[in-house]
């Protein structure tokens, strides 16, 4: 009889332990502390939207400046290449033999 009570008690304890809910807690994300996340969450939506738009605008300006610099560099490079090609072409035309003396 005593053995049955012990078994019932253990069974009940296991059952109670199994139904407990997991405790939730907030953790920080890599690169951002928990305080930083909470401060961002407590901001007003208008402020967050303005920050996001400003960041997007600055990124667009950076990419535009980068693209313009690339185009400008490409223009100067193509001009130099073309000038070099003209010099080569002019030099080659003078060194060709006259075709009037060649017999067929």
PDB file of N, CA and C in Angstrom:
ATOM      1  N   UNK A   1       0.823  -1.194   0.000  1.00  0.00           N
ATOM      2  CA  UNK A   1       0.000   0.000   0.000  1.00  0.00           C
ATOM      3  C   UNK A   1       0.873   1.267   0.000  1.00  0.00           C
ATOM      4  N   UNK A   2       1.933   1.245   0.803  1.00  0.00           N
ATOM      5  CA  UNK A   2       2.835   2.384   0.881  1.00  0.00           C
ATOM      6  C   UNK A   2       3.545   2.597  -0.459  1.00  0.00           C
ATOM      7  N   UNK A   3       3.897   1.512  -1.131  1.00  0.00           N
ATOM      8  CA  UNK A   3       4.567   1.574  -2.419  1.00  0.00           C
ATOM      9  C   UNK A   3       3.665   2.238  -3.455  1.00  0.00           C
ATOM     10  N   UNK A   4       2.357   1.930  -3.397  1.00  0.00           N
ATOM     11  CA  UNK A   4       1.410   2.536  -4.319  1.00  0.00           C
ATOM     12  C   UNK A   4       1.338   4.039  -4.104  1.00  0.00           C
ATOM     13  N   UNK A   5       1.333   4.478  -2.865  1.00  0.00           N
ATOM     14  CA  UNK A   5       1.270   5.916  -2.575  1.00  0.00           C
ATOM     15  C   UNK A   5       2.516   6.633  -3.087  1.00  0.00           C
ATOM     16  N   UNK A   6       3.683   6.020  -2.932  1.00  0.00           N
ATOM     17  CA  UNK A   6       4.926   6.617  -3.422  1.00  0.00           C
ATOM     18  C   UNK A   6       4.880   6.735  -4.943  1.00  0.00           C
ATOM     19  N   UNK A   7       4.433   5.680  -5.595  1.00  0.00           N
ATOM     20  CA  UNK A   7       4.336   5.701  -7.058  1.00  0.00           C
ATOM     21  C   UNK A   7       3.349   6.757  -7.519  1.00  0.00           C
ATOM     22  N   UNK A   8       2.210   6.864  -6.837  1.00  0.00           N
ATOM     23  CA  UNK A   8       1.223   7.882  -7.205  1.00  0.00           C
ATOM     24  C   UNK A   8       1.787   9.284  -7.006  1.00  0.00           C
ATOM     25  N   UNK A   9       2.506   9.466  -5.916  1.00  0.00           N
ATOM     26  CA  UNK A   9       3.097  10.774  -5.632  1.00  0.00           C
ATOM     27  C   UNK A   9       4.113  11.149  -6.709  1.00  0.00           C
ATOM     28  N   UNK A  10       4.971  10.210  -7.105  1.00  0.00           N
ATOM     29  CA  UNK A  10       5.949  10.473  -8.153  1.00  0.00           C
ATOM     30  C   UNK A  10       5.256  10.774  -9.490  1.00  0.00           C
ATOM     31  N   UNK A  11       4.210  10.002  -9.773  1.00  0.00           N
ATOM     32  CA  UNK A  11       3.468  10.207 -11.018  1.00  0.00           C
ATOM     33  C   UNK A  11       2.864  11.612 -11.045  1.00  0.00           C
ATOM     34  N   UNK A  12       2.294  12.028  -9.931  1.00  0.00           N
ATOM     35  CA  UNK A  12       1.671  13.350  -9.848  1.00  0.00           C
ATOM     36  C   UNK A  12       2.722  14.457  -9.998  1.00  0.00           C
ATOM     37  N   UNK A  13       3.879  14.281  -9.370  1.00  0.00           N
ATOM     38  CA  UNK A  13       4.947  15.280  -9.477  1.00  0.00           C
ATOM     39  C   UNK A  13       5.421  15.413 -10.924  1.00  0.00           C
ATOM     40  N   UNK A  14       5.587  14.287 -11.591  1.00  0.00           N
ATOM     41  CA  UNK A  14       6.010  14.334 -12.998  1.00  0.00           C
ATOM     42  C   UNK A  14       4.957  15.031 -13.852  1.00  0.00           C
ATOM     43  N   UNK A  15       3.720  14.774 -13.569  1.00  0.00           N
ATOM     44  CA  UNK A  15       2.620  15.367 -14.332  1.00  0.00           C
ATOM     45  C   UNK A  15       2.608  16.878 -14.126  1.00  0.00           C
ATOM     46  N   UNK A  16       2.785  17.326 -12.910  1.00  0.00           N
ATOM     47  CA  UNK A  16       2.793  18.754 -12.603  1.00  0.00           C
ATOM     48  C   UNK A  16       3.997  19.420 -13.267  1.00  0.00           C
ATOM     49  N   UNK A  17       5.144  18.788 -13.193  1.00  0.00           N
ATOM     50  CA  UNK A  17       6.344  19.345 -13.800  1.00  0.00           C
ATOM     51  C   UNK A  17       6.189  19.470 -15.320  1.00  0.00           C
ATOM     52  N   UNK A  18       5.524  18.519 -15.908  1.00  0.00           N
ATOM     53  CA  UNK A  18       5.353  18.535 -17.358  1.00  0.00           C
ATOM     54  C   UNK A  18       4.428  19.628 -17.839  1.00  0.00           C
ATOM     55  N   UNK A  19       3.522  20.116 -16.992  1.00  0.00           N
ATOM     56  CA  UNK A  19       2.557  21.117 -17.428  1.00  0.00           C
ATOM     57  C   UNK A  19       3.022  22.540 -17.172  1.00  0.00           C
ATOM     58  N   UNK A  20       4.184  22.716 -16.577  1.00  0.00           N
ATOM     59  CA  UNK A  20       4.673  24.073 -16.319  1.00  0.00           C
ATOM     60  C   UNK A  20       5.012  24.760 -17.630  1.00  0.00           C
ATOM     61  N   UNK A  21       4.764  26.027 -17.670  1.00  0.00           N
ATOM     62  CA  UNK A  21       5.079  26.805 -18.869  1.00  0.00           C
ATOM     63  C   UNK A  21       6.528  27.274 -18.815  1.00  0.00           C
ATOM     64  N   UNK A  22       7.117  27.395 -19.975  1.00  0.00           N
ATOM     65  CA  UNK A  22       8.490  27.898 -20.047  1.00  0.00           C
ATOM     66  C   UNK A  22       8.489  29.393 -19.754  1.00  0.00           C
ATOM     67  N   UNK A  23       9.483  29.841 -19.024  1.00  0.00           N
ATOM     68  CA  UNK A  23       9.590  31.253 -18.680  1.00  0.00           C
ATOM     69  C   UNK A  23      10.207  31.983 -19.862  1.00  0.00           C
ATOM     70  N   UNK A  24       9.537  33.027 -20.321  1.00  0.00           N
ATOM     71  CA  UNK A  24      10.054  33.796 -21.455  1.00  0.00           C
ATOM     72  C   UNK A  24      10.884  34.955 -20.942  1.00  0.00           C
ATOM     73  N   UNK A  25      11.965  35.224 -21.615  1.00  0.00           N
ATOM     74  CA  UNK A  25      12.788  36.374 -21.268  1.00  0.00           C
ATOM     75  C   UNK A  25      13.383  36.931 -22.545  1.00  0.00           C
ATOM     76  N   UNK A  26      13.689  38.215 -22.496  1.00  0.00           N
ATOM     77  CA  UNK A  26      14.219  38.881 -23.682  1.00  0.00           C
ATOM     78  C   UNK A  26      15.739  38.810 -23.672  1.00  0.00           C
ATOM     79  N   UNK A  27      16.277  38.520 -24.853  1.00  0.00           N
ATOM     80  CA  UNK A  27      17.728  38.479 -25.001  1.00  0.00           C
ATOM     81  C   UNK A  27      18.141  39.518 -26.026  1.00  0.00           C
ATOM     82  N   UNK A  28      19.373  39.933 -25.926  1.00  0.00           N
ATOM     83  CA  UNK A  28      19.859  40.909 -26.896  1.00  0.00           C
ATOM     84  C   UNK A  28      20.264  40.190 -28.175  1.00  0.00           C
ATOM     85  N   UNK A  29      20.134  40.902 -29.276  1.00  0.00           N
ATOM     86  CA  UNK A  29      20.531  40.381 -30.581  1.00  0.00           C
ATOM     87  C   UNK A  29      21.995  40.737 -30.774  1.00  0.00           C
ATOM     88  N   UNK A  30      22.684  39.947 -31.557  1.00  0.00           N
ATOM     89  CA  UNK A  30      24.106  40.184 -31.781  1.00  0.00           C
ATOM     90  C   UNK A  30      24.307  41.569 -32.384  1.00  0.00           C
ATOM     91  N   UNK A  31      25.154  42.366 -31.771  1.00  0.00           N
ATOM     92  CA  UNK A  31      25.440  43.705 -32.271  1.00  0.00           C
ATOM     93  C   UNK A  31      24.552  44.786 -31.671  1.00  0.00           C
ATOM     94  N   UNK A  32      23.526  44.411 -30.894  1.00  0.00           N
ATOM     95  CA  UNK A  32      22.647  45.398 -30.262  1.00  0.00           C
ATOM     96  C   UNK A  32      22.321  44.934 -28.848  1.00  0.00           C
ATOM     97  N   UNK A  33      22.438  45.852 -27.908  1.00  0.00           N
ATOM     98  CA  UNK A  33      22.145  45.492 -26.526  1.00  0.00           C
ATOM     99  C   UNK A  33      20.643  45.528 -26.287  1.00  0.00           C
ATOM    100  N   UNK A  34      20.232  44.934 -25.194  1.00  0.00           N
ATOM    101  CA  UNK A  34      18.812  44.898 -24.856  1.00  0.00           C
ATOM    102  C   UNK A  34      18.276  46.304 -24.625  1.00  0.00           C
ATOM    103  N   UNK A  35      19.085  47.164 -24.007  1.00  0.00           N
ATOM    104  CA  UNK A  35      18.653  48.549 -23.756  1.00  0.00           C
ATOM    105  C   UNK A  35      18.421  49.281 -25.076  1.00  0.00           C
ATOM    106  N   UNK A  36      19.300  49.027 -26.041  1.00  0.00           N
ATOM    107  CA  UNK A  36      19.171  49.666 -27.363  1.00  0.00           C
ATOM    108  C   UNK A  36      17.868  49.220 -28.040  1.00  0.00           C
ATOM    109  N   UNK A  37      17.560  47.931 -27.932  1.00  0.00           N
ATOM    110  CA  UNK A  37      16.341  47.399 -28.554  1.00  0.00           C
ATOM    111  C   UNK A  37      15.105  47.981 -27.882  1.00  0.00           C
ATOM    112  N   UNK A  38      15.126  48.035 -26.549  1.00  0.00           N
ATOM    113  CA  UNK A  38      13.973  48.576 -25.822  1.00  0.00           C
ATOM    114  C   UNK A  38      13.777  50.057 -26.129  1.00  0.00           C
ATOM    115  N   UNK A  39      14.887  50.814 -26.243  1.00  0.00           N
ATOM    116  CA  UNK A  39      14.774  52.232 -26.566  1.00  0.00           C
ATOM    117  C   UNK A  39      14.172  52.413 -27.954  1.00  0.00           C
ATOM    118  N   UNK A  40      14.551  51.578 -28.884  1.00  0.00           N
ATOM    119  CA  UNK A  40      14.024  51.662 -30.247  1.00  0.00           C
ATOM    120  C   UNK A  40      12.542  51.303 -30.258  1.00  0.00           C
ATOM    121  N   UNK A  41      12.167  50.321 -29.452  1.00  0.00           N
ATOM    122  CA  UNK A  41      10.775  49.891 -29.398  1.00  0.00           C
ATOM    123  C   UNK A  41       9.894  50.984 -28.790  1.00  0.00           C
ATOM    124  N   UNK A  42      10.435  51.729 -27.835  1.00  0.00           N
ATOM    125  CA  UNK A  42       9.654  52.767 -27.160  1.00  0.00           C
ATOM    126  C   UNK A  42       9.586  54.068 -27.951  1.00  0.00           C
ATOM    127  N   UNK A  43      10.312  54.163 -29.068  1.00  0.00           N
ATOM    128  CA  UNK A  43      10.254  55.363 -29.899  1.00  0.00           C
ATOM    129  C   UNK A  43       8.891  55.467 -30.578  1.00  0.00           C
ATOM    130  N   UNK A  44       8.555  56.678 -30.949  1.00  0.00           N
ATOM    131  CA  UNK A  44       7.308  56.861 -31.677  1.00  0.00           C
ATOM    132  C   UNK A  44       7.507  56.408 -33.119  1.00  0.00           C
ATOM    133  N   UNK A  45       6.454  55.923 -33.761  1.00  0.00           N
ATOM    134  CA  UNK A  45       6.580  55.436 -35.141  1.00  0.00           C
ATOM    135  C   UNK A  45       7.049  56.510 -36.118  1.00  0.00           C
ATOM    136  N   UNK A  46       6.675  57.767 -35.869  1.00  0.00           N
ATOM    137  CA  UNK A  46       7.068  58.850 -36.777  1.00  0.00           C
ATOM    138  C   UNK A  46       8.590  59.038 -36.767  1.00  0.00           C
ATOM    139  N   UNK A  47       9.152  58.942 -35.563  1.00  0.00           N
ATOM    140  CA  UNK A  47      10.606  59.115 -35.419  1.00  0.00           C
ATOM    141  C   UNK A  47      11.338  57.994 -36.139  1.00  0.00           C
ATOM    142  N   UNK A  48      10.856  56.758 -35.947  1.00  0.00           N
ATOM    143  CA  UNK A  48      11.488  55.615 -36.606  1.00  0.00           C
ATOM    144  C   UNK A  48      11.377  55.737 -38.124  1.00  0.00           C
ATOM    145  N   UNK A  49      10.218  56.180 -38.602  1.00  0.00           N
ATOM    146  CA  UNK A  49      10.012  56.339 -40.051  1.00  0.00           C
ATOM    147  C   UNK A  49      10.945  57.402 -40.617  1.00  0.00           C
ATOM    148  N   UNK A  50      11.104  58.512 -39.890  1.00  0.00           N
ATOM    149  CA  UNK A  50      12.004  59.580 -40.343  1.00  0.00           C
ATOM    150  C   UNK A  50      13.446  59.090 -40.392  1.00  0.00           C
ATOM    151  N   UNK A  51      13.869  58.337 -39.380  1.00  0.00           N
ATOM    152  CA  UNK A  51      15.231  57.792 -39.364  1.00  0.00           C
ATOM    153  C   UNK A  51      15.454  56.845 -40.536  1.00  0.00           C
ATOM    154  N   UNK A  52      14.459  55.999 -40.802  1.00  0.00           N
ATOM    155  CA  UNK A  52      14.569  55.038 -41.888  1.00  0.00           C
ATOM    156  C   UNK A  52      14.685  55.754 -43.235  1.00  0.00           C
ATOM    157  N   UNK A  53      13.852  56.782 -43.435  1.00  0.00           N
ATOM    158  CA  UNK A  53      13.888  57.531 -44.693  1.00  0.00           C
ATOM    159  C   UNK A  53      15.224  58.252 -44.872  1.00  0.00           C
ATOM    160  N   UNK A  54      15.737  58.811 -43.783  1.00  0.00           N
ATOM    161  CA  UNK A  54      17.027  59.501 -43.853  1.00  0.00           C
ATOM    162  C   UNK A  54      18.145  58.523 -44.219  1.00  0.00           C
ATOM    163  N   UNK A  55      18.123  57.339 -43.631  1.00  0.00           N
ATOM    164  CA  UNK A  55      19.125  56.328 -43.937  1.00  0.00           C
ATOM    165  C   UNK A  55      19.032  55.889 -45.400  1.00  0.00           C
ATOM    166  N   UNK A  56      17.830  55.682 -45.880  1.00  0.00           N
ATOM    167  CA  UNK A  56      17.631  55.284 -47.280  1.00  0.00           C
ATOM    168  C   UNK A  56      18.127  56.377 -48.207  1.00  0.00           C
ATOM    169  N   UNK A  57      17.821  57.628 -47.879  1.00  0.00           N
ATOM    170  CA  UNK A  57      18.246  58.756 -48.710  1.00  0.00           C
ATOM    171  C   UNK A  57      19.778  58.836 -48.786  1.00  0.00           C
ATOM    172  N   UNK A  58      20.429  58.666 -47.636  1.00  0.00           N
ATOM    173  CA  UNK A  58      21.893  58.747 -47.624  1.00  0.00           C
ATOM    174  C   UNK A  58      22.510  57.593 -48.417  1.00  0.00           C
ATOM    175  N   UNK A  59      21.918  56.405 -48.329  1.00  0.00           N
ATOM    176  CA  UNK A  59      22.424  55.264 -49.089  1.00  0.00           C
ATOM    177  C   UNK A  59      22.262  55.499 -50.591  1.00  0.00           C
ATOM    178  N   UNK A  60      21.138  56.072 -50.994  1.00  0.00           N
ATOM    179  CA  UNK A  60      20.917  56.367 -52.412  1.00  0.00           C
ATOM    180  C   UNK A  60      21.930  57.394 -52.913  1.00  0.00           C
ATOM    181  N   UNK A  61      22.201  58.417 -52.106  1.00  0.00           N
ATOM    182  CA  UNK A  61      23.177  59.439 -52.504  1.00  0.00           C
ATOM    183  C   UNK A  61      24.568  58.831 -52.653  1.00  0.00           C
ATOM    184  N   UNK A  62      24.925  57.938 -51.742  1.00  0.00           N
ATOM    185  CA  UNK A  62      26.230  57.278 -51.824  1.00  0.00           C
ATOM    186  C   UNK A  62      26.347  56.470 -53.113  1.00  0.00           C
ATOM    187  N   UNK A  63      25.312  55.681 -53.390  1.00  0.00           N
ATOM    188  CA  UNK A  63      25.374  54.831 -54.584  1.00  0.00           C
ATOM    189  C   UNK A  63      25.373  55.678 -55.849  1.00  0.00           C
ATOM    190  N   UNK A  64      24.648  56.792 -55.839  1.00  0.00           N
ATOM    191  CA  UNK A  64      24.617  57.678 -57.002  1.00  0.00           C
ATOM    192  C   UNK A  64      25.993  58.308 -57.233  1.00  0.00           C
ATOM    193  N   UNK A  65      26.638  58.763 -56.156  1.00  0.00           N
ATOM    194  CA  UNK A  65      27.970  59.356 -56.273  1.00  0.00           C
ATOM    195  C   UNK A  65      28.972  58.318 -56.760  1.00  0.00           C
ATOM    196  N   UNK A  66      28.851  57.099 -56.271  1.00  0.00           N
ATOM    197  CA  UNK A  66      29.740  56.028 -56.692  1.00  0.00           C
ATOM    198  C   UNK A  66      29.562  55.737 -58.186  1.00  0.00           C
ATOM    199  N   UNK A  67      28.303  55.709 -58.624  1.00  0.00           N
ATOM    200  CA  UNK A  67      28.019  55.434 -60.029  1.00  0.00           C
ATOM    201  C   UNK A  67      28.547  56.553 -60.921  1.00  0.00           C
ATOM    202  N   UNK A  68      28.386  57.811 -60.488  1.00  0.00           N
ATOM    203  CA  UNK A  68      28.885  58.949 -61.269  1.00  0.00           C
ATOM    204  C   UNK A  68      30.412  58.916 -61.373  1.00  0.00           C
ATOM    205  N   UNK A  69      31.067  58.572 -60.287  1.00  0.00           N
ATOM    206  CA  UNK A  69      32.521  58.483 -60.308  1.00  0.00           C
ATOM    207  C   UNK A  69      32.968  57.378 -61.264  1.00  0.00           C
ATOM    208  N   UNK A  70      32.240  56.290 -61.276  1.00  0.00           N
ATOM    209  CA  UNK A  70      32.569  55.175 -62.161  1.00  0.00           C
ATOM    210  C   UNK A  70      32.403  55.584 -63.622  1.00  0.00           C
ATOM    211  N   UNK A  71      31.317  56.306 -63.924  1.00  0.00           N
ATOM    212  CA  UNK A  71      31.071  56.759 -65.296  1.00  0.00           C
ATOM    213  C   UNK A  71      32.150  57.740 -65.731  1.00  0.00           C
ATOM    214  N   UNK A  72      32.514  58.672 -64.845  1.00  0.00           N
ATOM    215  CA  UNK A  72      33.544  59.660 -65.175  1.00  0.00           C
ATOM    216  C   UNK A  72      34.884  58.969 -65.436  1.00  0.00           C
ATOM    217  N   UNK A  73      35.209  57.985 -64.627  1.00  0.00           N
ATOM    218  CA  UNK A  73      36.464  57.251 -64.811  1.00  0.00           C
ATOM    219  C   UNK A  73      36.435  56.489 -66.137  1.00  0.00           C
ATOM    220  N   UNK A  74      35.282  55.907 -66.442  1.00  0.00           N
ATOM    221  CA  UNK A  74      35.152  55.142 -67.679  1.00  0.00           C
ATOM    222  C   UNK A  74      35.320  56.056 -68.893  1.00  0.00           C
ATOM    223  N   UNK A  75      34.773  57.264 -68.816  1.00  0.00           N
ATOM    224  CA  UNK A  75      34.900  58.214 -69.930  1.00  0.00           C
ATOM    225  C   UNK A  75      36.360  58.573 -70.164  1.00  0.00           C
ATOM    226  N   UNK A  76      37.079  58.872 -69.101  1.00  0.00           N
ATOM    227  CA  UNK A  76      38.490  59.233 -69.259  1.00  0.00           C
ATOM    228  C   UNK A  76      39.293  58.047 -69.758  1.00  0.00           C
ATOM    229  N   UNK A  77      38.964  56.848 -69.278  1.00  0.00           N
ATOM    230  CA  UNK A  77      39.665  55.648 -69.735  1.00  0.00           C
ATOM    231  C   UNK A  77      39.416  55.399 -71.219  1.00  0.00           C
ATOM    232  N   UNK A  78      38.183  55.558 -71.670  1.00  0.00           N
ATOM    233  CA  UNK A  78      37.877  55.303 -73.079  1.00  0.00           C
ATOM    234  C   UNK A  78      38.535  56.349 -73.967  1.00  0.00           C
ATOM    235  N   UNK A  79      38.605  57.588 -73.486  1.00  0.00           N
ATOM    236  CA  UNK A  79      39.284  58.631 -74.271  1.00  0.00           C
ATOM    237  C   UNK A  79      40.756  58.293 -74.438  1.00  0.00           C
ATOM    238  N   UNK A  80      41.392  57.835 -73.386  1.00  0.00           N
ATOM    239  CA  UNK A  80      42.809  57.475 -73.452  1.00  0.00           C
ATOM    240  C   UNK A  80      43.021  56.280 -74.377  1.00  0.00           C
ATOM    241  N   UNK A  81      42.121  55.317 -74.300  1.00  0.00           N
ATOM    242  CA  UNK A  81      42.228  54.120 -75.153  1.00  0.00           C
ATOM    243  C   UNK A  81      42.059  54.506 -76.618  1.00  0.00           C
ATOM    244  N   UNK A  82      41.072  55.340 -76.887  1.00  0.00           N
ATOM    245  CA  UNK A  82      40.826  55.769 -78.272  1.00  0.00           C
ATOM    246  C   UNK A  82      42.008  56.557 -78.825  1.00  0.00           C
ATOM    247  N   UNK A  83      42.572  57.417 -78.021  1.00  0.00           N
ATOM    248  CA  UNK A  83      43.733  58.196 -78.471  1.00  0.00           C
ATOM    249  C   UNK A  83      44.892  57.258 -78.786  1.00  0.00           C
ATOM    250  N   UNK A  84      45.088  56.264 -77.959  1.00  0.00           N
ATOM    251  CA  UNK A  84      46.141  55.282 -78.206  1.00  0.00           C
ATOM    252  C   UNK A  84      45.881  54.492 -79.475  1.00  0.00           C
ATOM    253  N   UNK A  85      44.616  54.147 -79.732  1.00  0.00           N
ATOM    254  CA  UNK A  85      44.270  53.403 -80.939  1.00  0.00           C
ATOM    255  C   UNK A  85      44.502  54.245 -82.191  1.00  0.00           C
ATOM    256  N   UNK A  86      44.193  55.530 -82.121  1.00  0.00           N
ATOM    257  CA  UNK A  86      44.409  56.404 -83.272  1.00  0.00           C
ATOM    258  C   UNK A  86      45.891  56.470 -83.609  1.00  0.00           C
ATOM    259  N   UNK A  87      46.726  56.567 -82.593  1.00  0.00           N
ATOM    260  CA  UNK A  87      48.166  56.614 -82.817  1.00  0.00           C
ATOM    261  C   UNK A  87      48.642  55.317 -83.469  1.00  0.00           C
ATOM    262  N   UNK A  88      48.138  54.202 -83.006  1.00  0.00           N
ATOM    263  CA  UNK A  88      48.526  52.906 -83.567  1.00  0.00           C
ATOM    264  C   UNK A  88      48.081  52.811 -85.021  1.00  0.00           C
ATOM    265  N   UNK A  89      46.829  53.209 -85.275  1.00  0.00           N
ATOM    266  CA  UNK A  89      46.299  53.132 -86.640  1.00  0.00           C
ATOM    267  C   UNK A  89      47.086  54.030 -87.584  1.00  0.00           C
ATOM    268  N   UNK A  90      47.414  55.216 -87.151  1.00  0.00           N
ATOM    269  CA  UNK A  90      48.171  56.131 -87.998  1.00  0.00           C
ATOM    270  C   UNK A  90      49.553  55.570 -88.294  1.00  0.00           C
ATOM    271  N   UNK A  91      50.174  54.960 -87.335  1.00  0.00           N
ATOM    272  CA  UNK A  91      51.505  54.393 -87.530  1.00  0.00           C
ATOM    273  C   UNK A  91      51.469  53.209 -88.482  1.00  0.00           C
ATOM    274  N   UNK A  92      50.423  52.402 -88.398  1.00  0.00           N
ATOM    275  CA  UNK A  92      50.332  51.207 -89.236  1.00  0.00           C
ATOM    276  C   UNK A  92      50.035  51.553 -90.693  1.00  0.00           C
ATOM    277  N   UNK A  93      49.324  52.602 -90.956  1.00  0.00           N
ATOM    278  CA  UNK A  93      48.978  52.934 -92.336  1.00  0.00           C
ATOM    279  C   UNK A  93      50.214  53.335 -93.127  1.00  0.00           C
ATOM    280  N   UNK A  94      51.158  53.949 -92.496  1.00  0.00           N
ATOM    281  CA  UNK A  94      52.366  54.377 -93.196  1.00  0.00           C
ATOM    282  C   UNK A  94      53.314  53.212 -93.470  1.00  0.00           C
ATOM    283  N   UNK A  95      53.273  52.200 -92.683  1.00  0.00           N
ATOM    284  CA  UNK A  95      54.230  51.110 -92.824  1.00  0.00           C
ATOM    285  C   UNK A  95      53.772  50.035 -93.803  1.00  0.00           C
ATOM    286  N   UNK A  96      52.553  50.164 -94.361  1.00  0.00           N
ATOM    287  CA  UNK A  96      52.080  49.150 -95.315  1.00  0.00           C
ATOM    288  C   UNK A  96      52.793  49.337 -96.650  1.00  0.00           C
ATOM    289  N   UNK A  97      53.135  48.251 -97.339  1.00  0.00           N
ATOM    290  CA  UNK A  97      53.776  48.370 -98.670  1.00  0.00           C
ATOM    291  C   UNK A  97      52.768  48.790 -99.734  1.00  0.00           C
ATOM    292  N   UNK A  98      53.222  49.428-100.755  1.00  0.00           N
ATOM    293  CA  UNK A  98      52.352  49.872-101.832  1.00  0.00           C
ATOM    294  C   UNK A  98      51.869  48.648-102.590  1.00  0.00           C
ATOM    295  N   UNK A  99      50.612  48.611-102.959  1.00  0.00           N
ATOM    296  CA  UNK A  99      50.038  47.461-103.639  1.00  0.00           C
ATOM    297  C   UNK A  99      50.182  47.576-105.169  1.00  0.00           C
ATOM    298  N   UNK A 100      50.607  48.691-105.642  1.00  0.00           N
ATOM    299  CA  UNK A 100      50.661  48.863-107.099  1.00  0.00           C
ATOM    300  C   UNK A 100      51.704  47.964-107.758  1.00  0.00           C
ATOM    301  N   UNK A 101      52.740  47.581-107.072  1.00  0.00           N
ATOM    302  CA  UNK A 101      53.806  46.754-107.642  1.00  0.00           C
ATOM    303  C   UNK A 101      53.523  45.262-107.546  1.00  0.00           C
ATOM    304  N   UNK A 102      52.499  44.874-106.817  1.00  0.00           N
ATOM    305  CA  UNK A 102      52.209  43.449-106.606  1.00  0.00           C
ATOM    306  C   UNK A 102      51.491  42.899-107.841  1.00  0.00           C
ATOM    307  N   UNK A 103      51.984  41.764-108.369  1.00  0.00           N
ATOM    308  CA  UNK A 103      51.390  41.168-109.556  1.00  0.00           C
ATOM    309  C   UNK A 103      50.554  39.960-109.164  1.00  0.00           C
ATOM    310  N   UNK A 104      49.507  39.727-109.921  1.00  0.00           N
ATOM    311  CA  UNK A 104      48.664  38.583-109.648  1.00  0.00           C
ATOM    312  C   UNK A 104      48.809  37.505-110.653  1.00  0.00           C
TER     313      UNK A 104
END
